[in-house]
PDB file of N, CA and C in Angstrom:
ATOM      1  N   MET A   1       1.589  -3.705  24.152  1.00  0.00           N
ATOM      2  CA  MET A   1       0.981  -2.471  24.140  1.00  0.00           C
ATOM      3  C   MET A   1      -0.309  -3.050  23.694  1.00  0.00           C
ATOM      4  N   ASP A   2      -1.851  -2.567  24.087  1.00  0.00           N
ATOM      5  CA  ASP A   2      -2.546  -2.919  23.043  1.00  0.00           C
ATOM      6  C   ASP A   2      -3.242  -2.075  22.056  1.00  0.00           C
ATOM      7  N   LYS A   3      -3.268  -3.226  21.046  1.00  0.00           N
ATOM      8  CA  LYS A   3      -3.860  -2.633  19.907  1.00  0.00           C
ATOM      9  C   LYS A   3      -5.185  -1.802  19.539  1.00  0.00           C
ATOM     10  N   THR A   4      -5.358  -1.285  18.485  1.00  0.00           N
ATOM     11  CA  THR A   4      -6.964  -0.594  18.110  1.00  0.00           C
ATOM     12  C   THR A   4      -7.568  -1.514  17.049  1.00  0.00           C
ATOM     13  N   TYR A   5      -8.603  -2.268  17.104  1.00  0.00           N
ATOM     14  CA  TYR A   5      -8.250  -2.931  15.703  1.00  0.00           C
ATOM     15  C   TYR A   5      -9.758  -1.767  15.953  1.00  0.00           C
ATOM     16  N   LEU A   6     -10.169  -0.857  14.081  1.00  0.00           N
ATOM     17  CA  LEU A   6     -10.844  -0.750  13.595  1.00  0.00           C
ATOM     18  C   LEU A   6     -11.473  -1.093  12.456  1.00  0.00           C
ATOM     19  N   THR A   7     -12.575  -0.606  11.839  1.00  0.00           N
ATOM     20  CA  THR A   7     -13.710  -1.430  10.393  1.00  0.00           C
ATOM     21  C   THR A   7     -13.226   0.020   9.617  1.00  0.00           C
ATOM     22  N   THR A   8     -13.390  -0.565   9.079  1.00  0.00           N
ATOM     23  CA  THR A   8     -13.178   0.660   7.743  1.00  0.00           C
ATOM     24  C   THR A   8     -14.357   2.065   7.673  1.00  0.00           C
ATOM     25  N   GLU A   9     -15.899   1.469   8.941  1.00  0.00           N
ATOM     26  CA  GLU A   9     -16.542   2.761   9.151  1.00  0.00           C
ATOM     27  C   GLU A   9     -16.527   3.530  10.226  1.00  0.00           C
ATOM     28  N   GLU A  10     -14.808   2.316  10.778  1.00  0.00           N
ATOM     29  CA  GLU A  10     -14.879   3.344  13.231  1.00  0.00           C
ATOM     30  C   GLU A  10     -14.137   4.224  11.827  1.00  0.00           C
ATOM     31  N   LEU A  11     -12.236   3.739  11.239  1.00  0.00           N
ATOM     32  CA  LEU A  11     -11.848   3.994  11.265  1.00  0.00           C
ATOM     33  C   LEU A  11     -12.819   5.108  10.129  1.00  0.00           C
ATOM     34  N   ALA A  12     -12.870   6.048   8.761  1.00  0.00           N
ATOM     35  CA  ALA A  12     -13.879   6.439   8.544  1.00  0.00           C
ATOM     36  C   ALA A  12     -14.150   7.837   9.085  1.00  0.00           C
ATOM     37  N   ALA A  13     -15.077   7.337  10.345  1.00  0.00           N
ATOM     38  CA  ALA A  13     -14.992   8.318  10.736  1.00  0.00           C
ATOM     39  C   ALA A  13     -14.394   9.512  11.382  1.00  0.00           C
ATOM     40  N   ARG A  14     -12.704   8.265  11.833  1.00  0.00           N
ATOM     41  CA  ARG A  14     -11.995   8.601  12.758  1.00  0.00           C
ATOM     42  C   ARG A  14     -11.112  10.152  11.653  1.00  0.00           C
ATOM     43  N   ILE A  15     -11.262   9.330  10.965  1.00  0.00           N
ATOM     44  CA  ILE A  15     -10.208  10.384  10.095  1.00  0.00           C
ATOM     45  C   ILE A  15     -10.483  11.324   9.178  1.00  0.00           C
ATOM     46  N   ARG A  16     -12.090  11.343   9.668  1.00  0.00           N
ATOM     47  CA  ARG A  16     -13.349  12.406   8.572  1.00  0.00           C
ATOM     48  C   ARG A  16     -12.789  11.775   6.689  1.00  0.00           C
ATOM     49  N   TYR A  17     -12.886  10.782   6.083  1.00  0.00           N
ATOM     50  CA  TYR A  17     -13.010  10.192   4.671  1.00  0.00           C
ATOM     51  C   TYR A  17     -13.685   8.991   4.853  1.00  0.00           C
ATOM     52  N   ASP A  18     -14.484   9.695   3.529  1.00  0.00           N
ATOM     53  CA  ASP A  18     -15.129   8.236   2.657  1.00  0.00           C
ATOM     54  C   ASP A  18     -14.720   6.793   2.914  1.00  0.00           C
ATOM     55  N   ALA A  19     -15.726   5.796   4.125  1.00  0.00           N
ATOM     56  CA  ALA A  19     -14.957   4.537   3.984  1.00  0.00           C
ATOM     57  C   ALA A  19     -14.818   3.957   2.638  1.00  0.00           C
ATOM     58  N   ARG A  20     -15.495   4.788   1.476  1.00  0.00           N
ATOM     59  CA  ARG A  20     -15.248   4.498   0.259  1.00  0.00           C
ATOM     60  C   ARG A  20     -13.822   4.549  -0.447  1.00  0.00           C
ATOM     61  N   THR A  21     -13.255   5.291  -0.225  1.00  0.00           N
ATOM     62  CA  THR A  21     -12.085   6.206  -0.570  1.00  0.00           C
ATOM     63  C   THR A  21     -11.275   5.257   0.431  1.00  0.00           C
ATOM     64  N   ILE A  22     -11.500   4.781   1.647  1.00  0.00           N
ATOM     65  CA  ILE A  22     -10.407   4.353   2.802  1.00  0.00           C
ATOM     66  C   ILE A  22     -10.011   2.983   1.177  1.00  0.00           C
ATOM     67  N   ARG A  23     -11.255   2.435   0.967  1.00  0.00           N
ATOM     68  CA  ARG A  23     -11.339   1.167   0.424  1.00  0.00           C
ATOM     69  C   ARG A  23     -10.474   1.708  -0.260  1.00  0.00           C
ATOM     70  N   ASN A  24     -10.797   2.372  -1.268  1.00  0.00           N
ATOM     71  CA  ASN A  24     -10.616   2.049  -3.490  1.00  0.00           C
ATOM     72  C   ASN A  24      -9.568   2.622  -3.915  1.00  0.00           C
ATOM     73  N   CYS A  25      -8.902   3.997  -2.099  1.00  0.00           N
ATOM     74  CA  CYS A  25      -7.913   4.739  -2.593  1.00  0.00           C
ATOM     75  C   CYS A  25      -7.044   4.828  -1.844  1.00  0.00           C
ATOM     76  N   LEU A  26      -6.887   4.613  -0.385  1.00  0.00           N
ATOM     77  CA  LEU A  26      -5.568   4.641   0.218  1.00  0.00           C
ATOM     78  C   LEU A  26      -5.488   3.394   0.685  1.00  0.00           C
ATOM     79  N   LYS A  27      -6.414   2.165   0.876  1.00  0.00           N
ATOM     80  CA  LYS A  27      -5.428   0.774   1.304  1.00  0.00           C
ATOM     81  C   LYS A  27      -4.690   0.069  -0.408  1.00  0.00           C
ATOM     82  N   ASP A  28      -3.223   0.003   0.418  1.00  0.00           N
ATOM     83  CA  ASP A  28      -2.706  -0.320  -0.165  1.00  0.00           C
ATOM     84  C   ASP A  28      -2.283   0.480  -1.051  1.00  0.00           C
ATOM     85  N   THR A  29      -2.257   1.489  -0.776  1.00  0.00           N
ATOM     86  CA  THR A  29      -1.163   3.003  -1.775  1.00  0.00           C
ATOM     87  C   THR A  29      -0.877   3.673  -0.033  1.00  0.00           C
ATOM     88  N   VAL A  30      -1.662   3.821   1.136  1.00  0.00           N
ATOM     89  CA  VAL A  30      -0.510   4.493   1.796  1.00  0.00           C
ATOM     90  C   VAL A  30      -0.580   3.678   3.530  1.00  0.00           C
ATOM     91  N   LEU A  31      -2.128   2.220   3.182  1.00  0.00           N
ATOM     92  CA  LEU A  31      -2.414   2.087   4.590  1.00  0.00           C
ATOM     93  C   LEU A  31      -1.908   0.150   3.653  1.00  0.00           C
ATOM     94  N   PHE A  32      -0.835  -0.242   4.542  1.00  0.00           N
ATOM     95  CA  PHE A  32       0.044  -1.317   3.907  1.00  0.00           C
ATOM     96  C   PHE A  32      -0.819  -2.560   5.190  1.00  0.00           C
ATOM     97  N   GLU A  33      -0.192  -3.775   4.874  1.00  0.00           N
ATOM     98  CA  GLU A  33      -1.212  -5.266   5.046  1.00  0.00           C
ATOM     99  C   GLU A  33      -0.550  -5.453   5.887  1.00  0.00           C
ATOM    100  N   GLY A  34       0.449  -5.393   7.382  1.00  0.00           N
ATOM    101  CA  GLY A  34       0.290  -5.792   8.571  1.00  0.00           C
ATOM    102  C   GLY A  34       1.101  -4.766   8.769  1.00  0.00           C
ATOM    103  N   VAL A  35       1.107  -3.551   8.386  1.00  0.00           N
ATOM    104  CA  VAL A  35       2.002  -2.336   9.231  1.00  0.00           C
ATOM    105  C   VAL A  35       0.326  -1.720   9.324  1.00  0.00           C
ATOM    106  N   HIS A  36      -0.128  -1.432   8.960  1.00  0.00           N
ATOM    107  CA  HIS A  36      -2.017  -0.277   9.195  1.00  0.00           C
ATOM    108  C   HIS A  36      -3.728  -1.148   9.427  1.00  0.00           C
ATOM    109  N   TYR A  37      -3.330  -2.637   8.881  1.00  0.00           N
ATOM    110  CA  TYR A  37      -4.113  -3.663   8.593  1.00  0.00           C
ATOM    111  C   TYR A  37      -4.458  -4.798   8.797  1.00  0.00           C
ATOM    112  N   ILE A  38      -4.479  -5.405   9.728  1.00  0.00           N
ATOM    113  CA  ILE A  38      -4.633  -7.587   8.922  1.00  0.00           C
ATOM    114  C   ILE A  38      -5.719  -8.218   8.318  1.00  0.00           C
ATOM    115  N   ARG A  39      -6.164  -9.013   8.384  1.00  0.00           N
ATOM    116  CA  ARG A  39      -6.487  -9.506   7.288  1.00  0.00           C
ATOM    117  C   ARG A  39      -7.081 -11.131   8.914  1.00  0.00           C
ATOM    118  N   PRO A  40      -8.114 -10.867   9.765  1.00  0.00           N
ATOM    119  CA  PRO A  40      -7.773 -11.982  10.792  1.00  0.00           C
ATOM    120  C   PRO A  40      -8.633 -12.935   9.380  1.00  0.00           C
ATOM    121  N   PHE A  41      -7.597 -14.037  10.965  1.00  0.00           N
ATOM    122  CA  PHE A  41      -8.152 -15.028  10.414  1.00  0.00           C
ATOM    123  C   PHE A  41      -7.820 -15.860   8.922  1.00  0.00           C
ATOM    124  N   GLY A  42      -6.768 -14.076   7.573  1.00  0.00           N
ATOM    125  CA  GLY A  42      -7.031 -15.132   6.357  1.00  0.00           C
ATOM    126  C   GLY A  42      -8.264 -14.689   5.526  1.00  0.00           C
ATOM    127  N   GLY A  43      -9.143 -14.394   6.734  1.00  0.00           N
ATOM    128  CA  GLY A  43     -10.164 -14.400   5.509  1.00  0.00           C
ATOM    129  C   GLY A  43     -10.538 -12.637   5.448  1.00  0.00           C
ATOM    130  N   ARG A  44     -11.554 -12.194   4.718  1.00  0.00           N
ATOM    131  CA  ARG A  44     -12.633 -11.225   3.809  1.00  0.00           C
ATOM    132  C   ARG A  44     -11.936 -10.303   4.177  1.00  0.00           C
ATOM    133  N   LYS A  45     -12.237 -10.083   5.771  1.00  0.00           N
ATOM    134  CA  LYS A  45     -12.995  -8.637   6.800  1.00  0.00           C
ATOM    135  C   LYS A  45     -11.495  -8.110   6.836  1.00  0.00           C
ATOM    136  N   ILE A  46     -10.969  -6.561   7.116  1.00  0.00           N
ATOM    137  CA  ILE A  46      -9.983  -5.872   7.297  1.00  0.00           C
ATOM    138  C   ILE A  46     -10.312  -5.287   8.027  1.00  0.00           C
ATOM    139  N   LEU A  47      -9.194  -5.850   8.811  1.00  0.00           N
ATOM    140  CA  LEU A  47      -8.920  -4.634  10.643  1.00  0.00           C
ATOM    141  C   LEU A  47      -7.957  -3.669  10.350  1.00  0.00           C
ATOM    142  N   PHE A  48      -8.299  -2.197  11.459  1.00  0.00           N
ATOM    143  CA  PHE A  48      -6.958  -0.696  10.784  1.00  0.00           C
ATOM    144  C   PHE A  48      -6.955  -0.973  12.017  1.00  0.00           C
ATOM    145  N   ILE A  49      -5.219  -1.306  12.036  1.00  0.00           N
ATOM    146  CA  ILE A  49      -5.296  -0.968  13.738  1.00  0.00           C
ATOM    147  C   ILE A  49      -4.709   0.647  13.347  1.00  0.00           C
ATOM    148  N   TRP A  50      -5.156   1.750  15.145  1.00  0.00           N
ATOM    149  CA  TRP A  50      -5.546   2.991  15.017  1.00  0.00           C
ATOM    150  C   TRP A  50      -3.891   3.662  15.380  1.00  0.00           C
ATOM    151  N   GLU A  51      -3.029   2.647  15.961  1.00  0.00           N
ATOM    152  CA  GLU A  51      -2.343   3.408  16.579  1.00  0.00           C
ATOM    153  C   GLU A  51      -0.741   3.238  15.601  1.00  0.00           C
ATOM    154  N   ALA A  52      -0.847   2.335  14.401  1.00  0.00           N
ATOM    155  CA  ALA A  52      -0.238   2.262  13.101  1.00  0.00           C
ATOM    156  C   ALA A  52      -0.287   3.622  11.967  1.00  0.00           C
ATOM    157  N   ILE A  53      -2.295   3.776  11.813  1.00  0.00           N
ATOM    158  CA  ILE A  53      -2.487   4.948  11.160  1.00  0.00           C
ATOM    159  C   ILE A  53      -1.716   6.059  11.721  1.00  0.00           C
ATOM    160  N   SER A  54      -2.231   6.185  13.115  1.00  0.00           N
ATOM    161  CA  SER A  54      -2.716   7.622  13.880  1.00  0.00           C
ATOM    162  C   SER A  54      -0.816   8.041  13.272  1.00  0.00           C
ATOM    163  N   GLU A  55       0.010   7.200  13.791  1.00  0.00           N
ATOM    164  CA  GLU A  55       1.935   7.844  13.878  1.00  0.00           C
ATOM    165  C   GLU A  55       1.945   8.338  12.440  1.00  0.00           C
ATOM    166  N   ASP A  56       1.533   7.120  11.540  1.00  0.00           N
ATOM    167  CA  ASP A  56       1.786   8.030  10.431  1.00  0.00           C
ATOM    168  C   ASP A  56       0.864   9.469   9.176  1.00  0.00           C
ATOM    169  N   ILE A  57       0.070   9.199  10.456  1.00  0.00           N
ATOM    170  CA  ILE A  57      -0.183  10.241   9.982  1.00  0.00           C
ATOM    171  C   ILE A  57       0.332  11.923   9.873  1.00  0.00           C
ATOM    172  N   GLY A  58       0.881  11.719  11.172  1.00  0.00           N
ATOM    173  CA  GLY A  58       1.971  12.553  11.424  1.00  0.00           C
ATOM    174  C   GLY A  58       2.683  12.850  10.867  1.00  0.00           C
ATOM    175  N   LYS A  59       3.216  11.297  10.392  1.00  0.00           N
ATOM    176  CA  LYS A  59       5.065  11.808   9.694  1.00  0.00           C
ATOM    177  C   LYS A  59       4.582  12.330   8.163  1.00  0.00           C
ATOM    178  N   ALA A  60       3.783  11.689   7.900  1.00  0.00           N
ATOM    179  CA  ALA A  60       3.360  12.500   6.982  1.00  0.00           C
ATOM    180  C   ALA A  60       2.430  13.601   6.780  1.00  0.00           C
ATOM    181  N   SER A  61       2.388  14.858   7.867  1.00  0.00           N
ATOM    182  CA  SER A  61       2.134  15.860   7.480  1.00  0.00           C
ATOM    183  C   SER A  61       3.346  16.811   7.986  1.00  0.00           C
ATOM    184  N   ARG A  62       4.142  15.778   8.847  1.00  0.00           N
ATOM    185  CA  ARG A  62       5.921  16.666   9.556  1.00  0.00           C
ATOM    186  C   ARG A  62       6.388  17.110   8.035  1.00  0.00           C
ATOM    187  N   SER A  63       6.500  15.853   6.997  1.00  0.00           N
ATOM    188  CA  SER A  63       7.738  15.358   5.722  1.00  0.00           C
ATOM    189  C   SER A  63       6.970  16.784   4.844  1.00  0.00           C
ATOM    190  N   ALA A  64       5.725  16.674   4.318  1.00  0.00           N
ATOM    191  CA  ALA A  64       4.781  17.782   4.064  1.00  0.00           C
ATOM    192  C   ALA A  64       5.353  19.065   3.805  1.00  0.00           C
ATOM    193  N   ASP A  65       5.548  19.613   5.236  1.00  0.00           N
ATOM    194  CA  ASP A  65       6.325  20.406   6.339  1.00  0.00           C
ATOM    195  C   ASP A  65       7.435  21.404   5.195  1.00  0.00           C
ATOM    196  N   PHE A  66       8.210  20.005   5.593  1.00  0.00           N
ATOM    197  CA  PHE A  66       9.444  20.644   5.269  1.00  0.00           C
ATOM    198  C   PHE A  66      10.000  20.711   3.862  1.00  0.00           C
ATOM    199  N   ALA A  67       9.367  20.054   2.761  1.00  0.00           N
ATOM    200  CA  ALA A  67       9.310  19.694   1.372  1.00  0.00           C
ATOM    201  C   ALA A  67       9.250  21.163   0.658  1.00  0.00           C
ATOM    202  N   GLY A  68       8.749  21.588   0.844  1.00  0.00           N
ATOM    203  CA  GLY A  68       8.664  23.192   0.926  1.00  0.00           C
ATOM    204  C   GLY A  68       8.575  23.811  -0.875  1.00  0.00           C
ATOM    205  N   ALA A  69       8.427  24.626  -1.616  1.00  0.00           N
ATOM    206  CA  ALA A  69       8.033  25.145  -2.969  1.00  0.00           C
ATOM    207  C   ALA A  69       9.245  25.169  -3.739  1.00  0.00           C
ATOM    208  N   PRO A  70       9.141  24.974  -4.187  1.00  0.00           N
ATOM    209  CA  PRO A  70       9.836  24.874  -5.220  1.00  0.00           C
ATOM    210  C   PRO A  70      11.265  26.578  -5.470  1.00  0.00           C
ATOM    211  N   VAL A  71      11.859  26.953  -5.806  1.00  0.00           N
ATOM    212  CA  VAL A  71      12.801  27.972  -5.574  1.00  0.00           C
ATOM    213  C   VAL A  71      13.423  28.694  -7.185  1.00  0.00           C
ATOM    214  N   ARG A  72      12.977  29.908  -7.570  1.00  0.00           N
ATOM    215  CA  ARG A  72      13.381  30.252  -8.633  1.00  0.00           C
ATOM    216  C   ARG A  72      14.983  30.881  -8.241  1.00  0.00           C
ATOM    217  N   THR A  73      15.605  30.289  -9.862  1.00  0.00           N
ATOM    218  CA  THR A  73      16.861  31.166  -9.275  1.00  0.00           C
ATOM    219  C   THR A  73      17.519  31.655 -10.602  1.00  0.00           C
ATOM    220  N   ASP A  74      16.377  32.049 -11.656  1.00  0.00           N
ATOM    221  CA  ASP A  74      17.000  32.829 -12.491  1.00  0.00           C
ATOM    222  C   ASP A  74      16.454  34.562 -12.068  1.00  0.00           C
ATOM    223  N   VAL A  75      15.322  34.625 -10.915  1.00  0.00           N
ATOM    224  CA  VAL A  75      15.240  35.882 -10.285  1.00  0.00           C
ATOM    225  C   VAL A  75      16.696  37.003 -10.545  1.00  0.00           C
ATOM    226  N   SER A  76      17.258  37.600 -10.336  1.00  0.00           N
ATOM    227  CA  SER A  76      17.847  39.180 -10.413  1.00  0.00           C
ATOM    228  C   SER A  76      17.964  39.584  -8.603  1.00  0.00           C
ATOM    229  N   LEU A  77      18.216  39.714  -7.929  1.00  0.00           N
ATOM    230  CA  LEU A  77      18.077  40.224  -6.698  1.00  0.00           C
ATOM    231  C   LEU A  77      18.110  42.186  -6.939  1.00  0.00           C
ATOM    232  N   ASN A  78      19.305  42.936  -7.969  1.00  0.00           N
ATOM    233  CA  ASN A  78      19.544  43.278  -7.915  1.00  0.00           C
ATOM    234  C   ASN A  78      18.372  44.887  -8.895  1.00  0.00           C
ATOM    235  N   GLY A  79      17.612  43.885  -9.096  1.00  0.00           N
ATOM    236  CA  GLY A  79      15.784  44.563  -9.524  1.00  0.00           C
ATOM    237  C   GLY A  79      16.030  44.440 -10.653  1.00  0.00           C
TER     238      GLY A  79
END
């Protein structure tokens, strides 16, 4: 399978996030080296792997849907 490598700016345009947010907040907290991005030839440049990111975005949304809200157990159903 071919992989689509994106720069930070290209990824930002696709997921509608600011490039600074990706670099400062998402990288190494939800986007991990070796899974979601690589550093070609051991350099400073980062290339994001679109297929891994797009798959994980969907997983995060689905798991959040099932988390639900806390249930109150102190409410009487008898009025």
